[in-house]
């Protein structure tokens, strides 16, 4: 079941970021967007990461979507039951190490017949997620973001799965985020 018609708006002024690792330089960040669901247009927080490397076909400085960050070794248990199910289904052997950026869902299993940049899903959200990734790259280069030193894996995961209902929304961040992930998973 498709839950939404896509991402309508990016709140560039909500972009907050922190350095995640320095050995292989990575930043993690959060950005708020409006997603049109069948019940309402809802403001939803999404997570992205940026790498200075270009391995596995990545583009230097481009921001890629993530579902969260693994906080312990082994099977997926630290997210919501639904998100744990999705990650188990979309990763090799259904487990990962602590610190792993949960991005496998966005690397579509169904290969498109035309060339797309990998890491942004393969369905209805591809164009929007790719556009957000480019926008975050531009904002980072212009130093237009909030530095959020408290943005660590557990904090990022907690924000994405929060029961908070944002002002003007009908559903919680968790419900809206899970519906967004469900749409991508069903097209995976």
N, C-alpha and C. Protein backbone atom coordinates (compact mmCIF):
# COMPACT_ATOMS: atom_id res chain seq x y z
N UNK A 1 0.84 -1.18 0.00
CA UNK A 1 0.00 0.00 0.00
C UNK A 1 0.89 1.25 0.00
N UNK A 2 0.66 2.13 -0.94
CA UNK A 2 1.42 3.37 -1.02
C UNK A 2 0.78 4.38 -0.06
N UNK A 3 1.61 4.97 0.78
CA UNK A 3 1.13 5.89 1.82
C UNK A 3 1.17 7.35 1.42
N UNK A 4 2.01 7.70 0.44
CA UNK A 4 2.19 9.13 0.17
C UNK A 4 2.35 9.41 -1.31
N UNK A 5 2.25 10.70 -1.62
CA UNK A 5 2.48 11.17 -2.99
C UNK A 5 3.85 11.79 -3.14
N UNK A 6 4.66 11.75 -2.11
CA UNK A 6 6.02 12.24 -2.23
C UNK A 6 6.36 13.40 -1.33
N UNK A 7 7.60 13.84 -1.46
CA UNK A 7 8.12 14.95 -0.67
C UNK A 7 7.80 16.25 -1.39
N UNK A 8 7.17 17.18 -0.68
CA UNK A 8 6.74 18.44 -1.28
C UNK A 8 7.68 19.60 -1.02
N UNK A 9 8.33 19.59 0.14
CA UNK A 9 9.11 20.76 0.55
C UNK A 9 10.26 20.33 1.44
N UNK A 10 11.38 21.06 1.33
CA UNK A 10 12.53 20.87 2.22
C UNK A 10 12.65 22.12 3.08
N UNK A 11 12.80 21.94 4.39
CA UNK A 11 13.04 23.07 5.30
C UNK A 11 14.54 23.23 5.47
N UNK A 12 15.15 23.99 4.57
CA UNK A 12 16.60 24.13 4.57
C UNK A 12 17.13 24.67 5.90
N UNK A 13 16.34 25.53 6.55
CA UNK A 13 16.78 26.12 7.82
C UNK A 13 16.74 25.13 8.99
N UNK A 14 16.26 23.91 8.75
CA UNK A 14 16.23 22.89 9.82
C UNK A 14 17.45 21.97 9.77
N UNK A 15 18.32 22.16 8.80
CA UNK A 15 19.46 21.26 8.60
C UNK A 15 20.44 21.37 9.76
N UNK A 16 20.61 20.24 10.47
CA UNK A 16 21.56 20.18 11.59
C UNK A 16 22.46 18.97 11.37
N UNK A 17 23.71 19.13 11.78
CA UNK A 17 24.69 18.12 11.43
C UNK A 17 25.76 17.99 12.51
N UNK A 18 26.46 16.89 12.47
CA UNK A 18 27.59 16.66 13.35
C UNK A 18 28.58 15.75 12.63
N UNK A 19 29.84 15.84 13.02
CA UNK A 19 30.84 14.92 12.50
C UNK A 19 30.59 13.56 13.13
N UNK A 20 30.53 12.52 12.30
CA UNK A 20 30.28 11.17 12.80
C UNK A 20 31.58 10.41 13.00
N UNK A 21 32.44 10.40 11.99
CA UNK A 21 33.74 9.76 12.12
C UNK A 21 34.80 10.62 11.44
N UNK A 22 36.02 10.53 11.95
CA UNK A 22 37.10 11.30 11.34
C UNK A 22 38.09 10.40 10.60
N UNK A 23 38.18 9.14 11.00
CA UNK A 23 39.11 8.22 10.33
C UNK A 23 38.74 8.12 8.85
N UNK A 24 37.49 7.80 8.59
CA UNK A 24 36.90 7.91 7.25
C UNK A 24 35.87 9.02 7.43
N UNK A 25 36.23 10.23 7.04
CA UNK A 25 35.43 11.39 7.41
C UNK A 25 33.99 11.26 6.93
N UNK A 26 33.09 11.33 7.90
CA UNK A 26 31.66 11.28 7.60
C UNK A 26 30.94 12.27 8.50
N UNK A 27 29.92 12.88 7.94
CA UNK A 27 29.01 13.72 8.71
C UNK A 27 27.65 13.04 8.69
N UNK A 28 26.88 13.23 9.75
CA UNK A 28 25.48 12.80 9.77
C UNK A 28 24.64 14.05 9.96
N UNK A 29 23.42 14.00 9.47
CA UNK A 29 22.57 15.17 9.58
C UNK A 29 21.10 14.84 9.54
N UNK A 30 20.32 15.80 9.98
CA UNK A 30 18.86 15.70 9.97
C UNK A 30 18.30 16.88 9.20
N UNK A 31 17.23 16.65 8.46
CA UNK A 31 16.55 17.71 7.72
C UNK A 31 15.04 17.44 7.79
N UNK A 32 14.27 18.50 7.96
CA UNK A 32 12.82 18.36 7.98
C UNK A 32 12.27 18.59 6.58
N UNK A 33 11.27 17.79 6.23
CA UNK A 33 10.61 17.90 4.92
C UNK A 33 9.10 17.79 5.12
N UNK A 34 8.35 18.23 4.13
CA UNK A 34 6.91 17.98 4.10
C UNK A 34 6.65 16.81 3.17
N UNK A 35 5.91 15.82 3.66
CA UNK A 35 5.51 14.67 2.85
C UNK A 35 4.00 14.68 2.77
N UNK A 36 3.47 14.51 1.55
CA UNK A 36 2.02 14.46 1.36
C UNK A 36 1.55 13.02 1.52
N UNK A 37 0.87 12.78 2.63
CA UNK A 37 0.26 11.48 2.90
C UNK A 37 -1.21 11.54 2.51
N UNK A 38 -1.87 10.40 2.48
CA UNK A 38 -3.29 10.38 2.12
C UNK A 38 -4.15 11.10 3.15
N UNK A 39 -3.66 11.26 4.37
CA UNK A 39 -4.43 11.87 5.45
C UNK A 39 -4.06 13.32 5.70
N UNK A 40 -2.91 13.78 5.22
CA UNK A 40 -2.45 15.13 5.55
C UNK A 40 -1.07 15.37 4.94
N UNK A 41 -0.68 16.64 4.87
CA UNK A 41 0.72 16.97 4.59
C UNK A 41 1.40 17.07 5.95
N UNK A 42 2.44 16.26 6.16
CA UNK A 42 3.09 16.15 7.46
C UNK A 42 4.56 16.55 7.38
N UNK A 43 5.00 17.25 8.40
CA UNK A 43 6.42 17.58 8.52
C UNK A 43 7.12 16.36 9.13
N UNK A 44 8.19 15.91 8.49
CA UNK A 44 8.87 14.68 8.90
C UNK A 44 10.38 14.93 8.88
N UNK A 45 11.07 14.43 9.89
CA UNK A 45 12.53 14.53 9.95
C UNK A 45 13.14 13.30 9.28
N UNK A 46 14.09 13.55 8.37
CA UNK A 46 14.82 12.48 7.69
C UNK A 46 16.30 12.60 8.03
N UNK A 47 17.01 11.49 7.94
CA UNK A 47 18.45 11.46 8.25
C UNK A 47 19.26 11.20 6.98
N UNK A 48 20.43 11.83 6.93
CA UNK A 48 21.35 11.69 5.80
C UNK A 48 22.77 11.61 6.32
N UNK A 49 23.67 11.13 5.48
CA UNK A 49 25.09 11.14 5.82
C UNK A 49 25.88 11.59 4.59
N UNK A 50 27.04 12.14 4.86
CA UNK A 50 27.95 12.57 3.79
C UNK A 50 29.32 11.97 4.05
N UNK A 51 29.97 11.58 2.98
CA UNK A 51 31.31 11.02 3.09
C UNK A 51 32.25 11.80 2.19
N UNK A 52 33.48 11.94 2.62
CA UNK A 52 34.46 12.61 1.78
C UNK A 52 35.06 11.66 0.76
N UNK A 53 34.76 10.38 0.90
CA UNK A 53 35.30 9.38 -0.02
C UNK A 53 34.42 9.17 -1.23
N UNK A 54 34.94 8.43 -2.19
CA UNK A 54 34.18 8.13 -3.40
C UNK A 54 34.12 6.63 -3.67
N UNK A 55 34.34 5.82 -2.62
CA UNK A 55 34.30 4.37 -2.82
C UNK A 55 32.87 3.91 -3.08
N UNK A 56 32.73 2.76 -3.71
CA UNK A 56 31.43 2.17 -4.06
C UNK A 56 30.57 3.11 -4.89
N UNK A 57 31.20 3.94 -5.70
CA UNK A 57 30.45 4.81 -6.60
C UNK A 57 29.86 6.05 -5.97
N UNK A 58 30.19 6.32 -4.71
CA UNK A 58 29.64 7.51 -4.06
C UNK A 58 30.26 8.78 -4.66
N UNK A 59 29.51 9.86 -4.59
CA UNK A 59 29.97 11.16 -5.06
C UNK A 59 30.46 11.96 -3.86
N UNK A 60 31.66 12.46 -3.94
CA UNK A 60 32.26 13.21 -2.83
C UNK A 60 31.37 14.39 -2.45
N UNK A 61 31.03 14.48 -1.16
CA UNK A 61 30.26 15.59 -0.63
C UNK A 61 28.75 15.47 -0.76
N UNK A 62 28.28 14.51 -1.56
CA UNK A 62 26.84 14.31 -1.71
C UNK A 62 26.30 13.65 -0.45
N UNK A 63 25.11 14.04 -0.05
CA UNK A 63 24.47 13.47 1.14
C UNK A 63 23.51 12.37 0.73
N UNK A 64 23.59 11.24 1.43
CA UNK A 64 22.79 10.05 1.13
C UNK A 64 21.84 9.74 2.29
N UNK A 65 20.62 9.28 1.99
CA UNK A 65 19.67 8.98 3.07
C UNK A 65 20.06 7.73 3.86
N UNK A 66 19.72 7.76 5.14
CA UNK A 66 19.89 6.58 6.00
C UNK A 66 18.63 6.40 6.83
N UNK A 67 18.40 5.18 7.24
CA UNK A 67 17.26 4.86 8.09
C UNK A 67 17.61 5.07 9.56
N UNK A 68 18.88 5.03 9.89
CA UNK A 68 19.35 5.19 11.27
C UNK A 68 20.79 4.71 11.35
N UNK A 69 21.27 4.51 12.57
CA UNK A 69 22.64 4.04 12.79
C UNK A 69 22.61 2.90 13.81
N UNK A 70 23.28 1.81 13.47
CA UNK A 70 23.34 0.63 14.36
C UNK A 70 24.09 0.99 15.64
N UNK A 71 23.49 0.68 16.80
CA UNK A 71 24.11 1.04 18.08
C UNK A 71 24.73 -0.15 18.82
N UNK A 72 24.59 -1.37 18.27
CA UNK A 72 25.26 -2.54 18.86
C UNK A 72 25.42 -3.60 17.77
N UNK A 73 26.36 -4.49 17.98
CA UNK A 73 26.62 -5.56 17.03
C UNK A 73 25.49 -6.58 17.03
N UNK A 74 25.23 -7.17 15.86
CA UNK A 74 24.28 -8.27 15.80
C UNK A 74 23.02 -7.95 15.02
N UNK A 75 21.97 -8.67 15.39
CA UNK A 75 20.68 -8.51 14.72
C UNK A 75 20.10 -7.13 15.03
N UNK A 76 19.12 -6.75 14.24
CA UNK A 76 18.48 -5.45 14.42
C UNK A 76 17.42 -5.52 15.51
N UNK A 77 17.70 -4.83 16.61
CA UNK A 77 16.77 -4.79 17.74
C UNK A 77 16.60 -3.38 18.29
N UNK A 78 17.44 -2.44 17.84
CA UNK A 78 17.45 -1.12 18.46
C UNK A 78 16.47 -0.13 17.86
N UNK A 79 15.80 -0.49 16.78
CA UNK A 79 14.85 0.40 16.14
C UNK A 79 13.43 -0.05 16.51
N UNK A 80 12.43 0.43 15.81
CA UNK A 80 11.07 -0.05 16.06
C UNK A 80 10.93 -1.44 15.45
N UNK A 81 9.93 -2.21 15.87
CA UNK A 81 9.77 -3.55 15.28
C UNK A 81 9.70 -3.51 13.75
N UNK A 82 8.96 -2.55 13.19
CA UNK A 82 8.86 -2.48 11.73
C UNK A 82 10.20 -2.15 11.08
N UNK A 83 10.91 -1.16 11.61
CA UNK A 83 12.21 -0.78 11.04
C UNK A 83 13.22 -1.91 11.19
N UNK A 84 13.17 -2.63 12.31
CA UNK A 84 14.05 -3.81 12.48
C UNK A 84 13.76 -4.85 11.40
N UNK A 85 12.48 -5.07 11.11
CA UNK A 85 12.08 -6.02 10.06
C UNK A 85 12.64 -5.59 8.70
N UNK A 86 12.48 -4.31 8.36
CA UNK A 86 12.96 -3.80 7.07
C UNK A 86 14.47 -3.97 6.96
N UNK A 87 15.19 -3.60 8.00
CA UNK A 87 16.65 -3.70 7.96
C UNK A 87 17.11 -5.16 7.89
N UNK A 88 16.45 -6.04 8.61
CA UNK A 88 16.79 -7.46 8.56
C UNK A 88 16.60 -7.99 7.15
N UNK A 89 15.55 -7.55 6.49
CA UNK A 89 15.24 -8.02 5.14
C UNK A 89 16.16 -7.43 4.07
N UNK A 90 16.70 -6.25 4.30
CA UNK A 90 17.48 -5.56 3.26
C UNK A 90 18.99 -5.60 3.47
N UNK A 91 19.45 -6.31 4.48
CA UNK A 91 20.90 -6.42 4.71
C UNK A 91 21.35 -7.86 4.53
N UNK A 92 22.62 -8.01 4.22
CA UNK A 92 23.19 -9.34 4.06
C UNK A 92 23.18 -10.05 5.41
N UNK A 93 22.58 -11.21 5.46
CA UNK A 93 22.49 -12.04 6.66
C UNK A 93 21.68 -11.42 7.80
N UNK A 94 21.06 -10.26 7.59
CA UNK A 94 20.16 -9.68 8.58
C UNK A 94 20.81 -9.16 9.84
N UNK A 95 22.08 -8.80 9.78
CA UNK A 95 22.71 -8.18 10.95
C UNK A 95 23.83 -7.25 10.49
N UNK A 96 24.30 -6.42 11.43
CA UNK A 96 25.36 -5.46 11.12
C UNK A 96 26.12 -5.12 12.39
N UNK A 97 27.25 -4.47 12.23
CA UNK A 97 28.08 -4.07 13.36
C UNK A 97 27.69 -2.70 13.89
N UNK A 98 28.03 -2.47 15.14
CA UNK A 98 27.80 -1.18 15.78
C UNK A 98 28.44 -0.08 14.93
N UNK A 99 27.71 1.00 14.75
CA UNK A 99 28.20 2.13 13.99
C UNK A 99 27.83 2.11 12.52
N UNK A 100 27.26 0.98 12.05
CA UNK A 100 26.89 0.85 10.64
C UNK A 100 25.79 1.84 10.30
N UNK A 101 25.97 2.55 9.20
CA UNK A 101 24.94 3.47 8.71
C UNK A 101 23.91 2.66 7.95
N UNK A 102 22.67 2.69 8.41
CA UNK A 102 21.61 1.86 7.84
C UNK A 102 21.12 2.45 6.53
N UNK A 103 21.81 2.09 5.45
CA UNK A 103 21.53 2.66 4.14
C UNK A 103 21.12 1.61 3.11
N UNK A 104 21.15 0.33 3.46
CA UNK A 104 20.91 -0.73 2.49
C UNK A 104 19.54 -0.62 1.82
N UNK A 105 18.54 -0.14 2.53
CA UNK A 105 17.20 0.01 1.96
C UNK A 105 17.22 0.92 0.74
N UNK A 106 18.08 1.91 0.75
CA UNK A 106 18.12 2.91 -0.32
C UNK A 106 18.92 2.45 -1.53
N UNK A 107 19.58 1.30 -1.42
CA UNK A 107 20.25 0.69 -2.57
C UNK A 107 19.30 -0.35 -3.12
N UNK A 108 18.50 0.04 -4.08
CA UNK A 108 17.39 -0.78 -4.58
C UNK A 108 17.85 -2.14 -5.08
N UNK A 109 17.06 -3.16 -4.76
CA UNK A 109 17.37 -4.50 -5.23
C UNK A 109 16.93 -4.68 -6.68
N UNK A 110 15.92 -3.94 -7.10
CA UNK A 110 15.46 -3.99 -8.49
C UNK A 110 16.21 -2.92 -9.26
N UNK A 111 17.05 -3.33 -10.16
CA UNK A 111 17.88 -2.39 -10.91
C UNK A 111 17.06 -1.72 -12.00
N UNK A 112 17.14 -0.40 -12.09
CA UNK A 112 16.40 0.31 -13.14
C UNK A 112 17.02 0.05 -14.51
N UNK A 113 16.23 0.23 -15.54
CA UNK A 113 16.74 0.02 -16.89
C UNK A 113 17.58 1.20 -17.36
N UNK A 114 17.54 2.29 -16.65
CA UNK A 114 18.37 3.45 -16.98
C UNK A 114 19.26 3.77 -15.79
N UNK A 115 20.29 4.51 -16.04
CA UNK A 115 21.30 4.78 -15.00
C UNK A 115 20.79 5.79 -13.98
N UNK A 116 20.91 5.42 -12.73
CA UNK A 116 20.59 6.32 -11.62
C UNK A 116 21.78 6.30 -10.66
N UNK A 117 21.92 7.37 -9.91
CA UNK A 117 22.93 7.39 -8.86
C UNK A 117 22.47 6.45 -7.75
N UNK A 118 23.32 5.53 -7.36
CA UNK A 118 22.95 4.56 -6.33
C UNK A 118 22.85 5.23 -4.96
N UNK A 119 21.98 4.66 -4.12
CA UNK A 119 21.88 5.11 -2.74
C UNK A 119 20.69 5.99 -2.43
N UNK A 120 19.77 6.16 -3.40
CA UNK A 120 18.63 7.05 -3.21
C UNK A 120 17.30 6.36 -3.45
N UNK A 121 17.26 5.06 -3.39
CA UNK A 121 16.09 4.22 -3.65
C UNK A 121 15.88 4.13 -5.15
N UNK A 122 14.81 3.51 -5.54
CA UNK A 122 14.58 3.25 -6.95
C UNK A 122 13.18 3.62 -7.38
N UNK A 123 12.38 4.11 -6.47
CA UNK A 123 10.98 4.34 -6.77
C UNK A 123 10.58 5.80 -6.71
N UNK A 124 9.40 6.01 -6.20
CA UNK A 124 8.78 7.33 -6.19
C UNK A 124 9.60 8.38 -5.47
N UNK A 125 10.45 8.01 -4.55
CA UNK A 125 11.22 8.99 -3.78
C UNK A 125 12.60 9.28 -4.36
N UNK A 126 12.99 8.58 -5.41
CA UNK A 126 14.35 8.74 -5.92
C UNK A 126 14.70 10.20 -6.20
N UNK A 127 13.91 10.86 -7.03
CA UNK A 127 14.21 12.24 -7.44
C UNK A 127 14.28 13.17 -6.23
N UNK A 128 13.32 13.04 -5.32
CA UNK A 128 13.29 13.91 -4.13
C UNK A 128 14.49 13.69 -3.24
N UNK A 129 14.83 12.43 -2.98
CA UNK A 129 15.97 12.13 -2.11
C UNK A 129 17.28 12.58 -2.75
N UNK A 130 17.40 12.39 -4.05
CA UNK A 130 18.61 12.84 -4.75
C UNK A 130 18.71 14.37 -4.69
N UNK A 131 17.58 15.05 -4.89
CA UNK A 131 17.56 16.51 -4.81
C UNK A 131 17.95 16.99 -3.41
N UNK A 132 17.41 16.33 -2.38
CA UNK A 132 17.77 16.69 -1.01
C UNK A 132 19.27 16.48 -0.79
N UNK A 133 19.79 15.36 -1.27
CA UNK A 133 21.23 15.08 -1.14
C UNK A 133 22.08 16.17 -1.77
N UNK A 134 21.67 16.65 -2.94
CA UNK A 134 22.40 17.74 -3.61
C UNK A 134 22.25 19.05 -2.84
N UNK A 135 21.05 19.31 -2.33
CA UNK A 135 20.79 20.53 -1.57
C UNK A 135 21.64 20.56 -0.30
N UNK A 136 21.71 19.43 0.40
CA UNK A 136 22.51 19.37 1.62
C UNK A 136 24.00 19.54 1.32
N UNK A 137 24.44 19.04 0.19
CA UNK A 137 25.83 19.25 -0.23
C UNK A 137 26.08 20.75 -0.40
N UNK A 138 25.16 21.44 -1.08
CA UNK A 138 25.30 22.89 -1.28
C UNK A 138 25.28 23.65 0.04
N UNK A 139 24.34 23.28 0.92
CA UNK A 139 24.25 23.95 2.23
C UNK A 139 25.53 23.74 3.04
N UNK A 140 26.09 22.54 2.98
CA UNK A 140 27.32 22.24 3.70
C UNK A 140 28.47 23.08 3.16
N UNK A 141 28.58 23.16 1.84
CA UNK A 141 29.66 23.94 1.23
C UNK A 141 29.55 25.43 1.57
N UNK A 142 28.30 25.91 1.76
CA UNK A 142 28.08 27.31 2.11
C UNK A 142 28.06 27.52 3.63
N UNK A 143 28.30 26.45 4.37
CA UNK A 143 28.30 26.49 5.84
C UNK A 143 26.94 26.95 6.40
N UNK A 144 25.86 26.54 5.74
CA UNK A 144 24.51 26.92 6.15
C UNK A 144 23.82 25.73 6.82
N UNK A 145 24.25 25.45 8.03
CA UNK A 145 23.66 24.38 8.82
C UNK A 145 23.92 24.67 10.29
N UNK A 146 23.16 24.02 11.13
CA UNK A 146 23.38 24.12 12.56
C UNK A 146 24.31 22.99 12.99
N UNK A 147 25.33 23.33 13.74
CA UNK A 147 26.20 22.31 14.31
C UNK A 147 25.48 21.75 15.54
N UNK A 148 25.33 20.44 15.59
CA UNK A 148 24.61 19.79 16.67
C UNK A 148 25.52 18.73 17.30
N UNK A 149 26.40 19.14 18.22
CA UNK A 149 27.35 18.20 18.82
C UNK A 149 26.69 16.99 19.49
N UNK A 150 25.44 17.14 19.94
CA UNK A 150 24.75 16.03 20.60
C UNK A 150 24.20 15.01 19.60
N UNK A 151 24.33 15.29 18.31
CA UNK A 151 23.81 14.37 17.30
C UNK A 151 24.76 13.18 17.15
N UNK A 152 24.47 12.16 17.91
CA UNK A 152 25.21 10.89 17.91
C UNK A 152 24.22 9.81 17.48
N UNK A 153 24.66 8.57 17.26
CA UNK A 153 23.76 7.52 16.78
C UNK A 153 22.46 7.37 17.58
N UNK A 154 22.56 7.27 18.90
CA UNK A 154 21.34 7.07 19.70
C UNK A 154 20.40 8.26 19.59
N UNK A 155 20.95 9.46 19.57
CA UNK A 155 20.12 10.66 19.45
C UNK A 155 19.44 10.69 18.09
N UNK A 156 20.19 10.41 17.03
CA UNK A 156 19.62 10.39 15.69
C UNK A 156 18.47 9.39 15.61
N UNK A 157 18.69 8.17 16.09
CA UNK A 157 17.65 7.14 16.06
C UNK A 157 16.43 7.56 16.87
N UNK A 158 16.68 8.16 18.02
CA UNK A 158 15.58 8.59 18.90
C UNK A 158 14.73 9.67 18.23
N UNK A 159 15.37 10.61 17.55
CA UNK A 159 14.63 11.67 16.86
C UNK A 159 13.78 11.08 15.73
N UNK A 160 14.35 10.16 14.95
CA UNK A 160 13.62 9.58 13.83
C UNK A 160 12.41 8.77 14.27
N UNK A 161 12.47 8.17 15.45
CA UNK A 161 11.38 7.30 15.93
C UNK A 161 10.63 7.91 17.11
N UNK A 162 10.69 9.21 17.22
CA UNK A 162 10.03 9.92 18.32
C UNK A 162 8.50 9.81 18.22
N UNK A 163 7.88 9.73 19.37
CA UNK A 163 6.41 9.74 19.43
C UNK A 163 5.84 11.16 19.38
N UNK A 164 6.72 12.14 19.27
CA UNK A 164 6.28 13.54 19.22
C UNK A 164 5.44 13.79 17.96
N UNK A 165 4.35 14.54 18.14
CA UNK A 165 3.54 14.99 17.01
C UNK A 165 3.93 16.45 16.77
N UNK A 166 4.57 16.71 15.63
CA UNK A 166 5.01 18.07 15.33
C UNK A 166 3.80 18.98 15.15
N UNK A 167 3.99 20.25 15.43
CA UNK A 167 2.91 21.24 15.30
C UNK A 167 2.34 21.18 13.88
N UNK A 168 1.01 21.06 13.81
CA UNK A 168 0.32 21.00 12.52
C UNK A 168 0.17 19.59 11.95
N UNK A 169 0.86 18.62 12.55
CA UNK A 169 0.77 17.23 12.08
C UNK A 169 -0.39 16.50 12.74
N UNK A 170 -0.85 15.44 12.09
CA UNK A 170 -1.86 14.57 12.67
C UNK A 170 -1.24 13.33 13.32
N UNK A 171 -0.07 12.94 12.84
CA UNK A 171 0.58 11.72 13.33
C UNK A 171 1.96 12.02 13.89
N UNK A 172 2.49 11.08 14.65
CA UNK A 172 3.81 11.26 15.26
C UNK A 172 4.92 11.14 14.22
N UNK A 173 6.09 11.63 14.59
CA UNK A 173 7.28 11.49 13.75
C UNK A 173 7.50 10.02 13.42
N UNK A 174 7.38 9.15 14.42
CA UNK A 174 7.59 7.70 14.23
C UNK A 174 6.63 7.14 13.18
N UNK A 175 5.34 7.46 13.30
CA UNK A 175 4.35 6.94 12.35
C UNK A 175 4.64 7.43 10.94
N UNK A 176 4.92 8.72 10.81
CA UNK A 176 5.20 9.28 9.49
C UNK A 176 6.48 8.71 8.89
N UNK A 177 7.52 8.56 9.72
CA UNK A 177 8.79 8.03 9.24
C UNK A 177 8.62 6.57 8.80
N UNK A 178 7.90 5.78 9.58
CA UNK A 178 7.68 4.38 9.21
C UNK A 178 6.89 4.26 7.91
N UNK A 179 5.93 5.14 7.69
CA UNK A 179 5.17 5.11 6.43
C UNK A 179 6.07 5.47 5.24
N UNK A 180 6.95 6.44 5.44
CA UNK A 180 7.92 6.81 4.42
C UNK A 180 8.82 5.61 4.09
N UNK A 181 9.33 4.95 5.12
CA UNK A 181 10.19 3.78 4.93
C UNK A 181 9.41 2.64 4.28
N UNK A 182 8.16 2.46 4.66
CA UNK A 182 7.33 1.40 4.07
C UNK A 182 7.18 1.60 2.56
N UNK A 183 6.95 2.84 2.13
CA UNK A 183 6.83 3.11 0.70
C UNK A 183 8.10 2.72 -0.05
N UNK A 184 9.25 3.07 0.51
CA UNK A 184 10.52 2.74 -0.14
C UNK A 184 10.74 1.22 -0.13
N UNK A 185 10.45 0.59 1.01
CA UNK A 185 10.63 -0.86 1.14
C UNK A 185 9.76 -1.62 0.14
N UNK A 186 8.53 -1.20 -0.05
CA UNK A 186 7.63 -1.91 -0.95
C UNK A 186 8.04 -1.76 -2.41
N UNK A 187 8.86 -0.75 -2.72
CA UNK A 187 9.37 -0.58 -4.08
C UNK A 187 10.80 -1.12 -4.21
N UNK A 188 11.34 -1.63 -3.13
CA UNK A 188 12.72 -2.12 -3.08
C UNK A 188 12.80 -3.33 -3.93
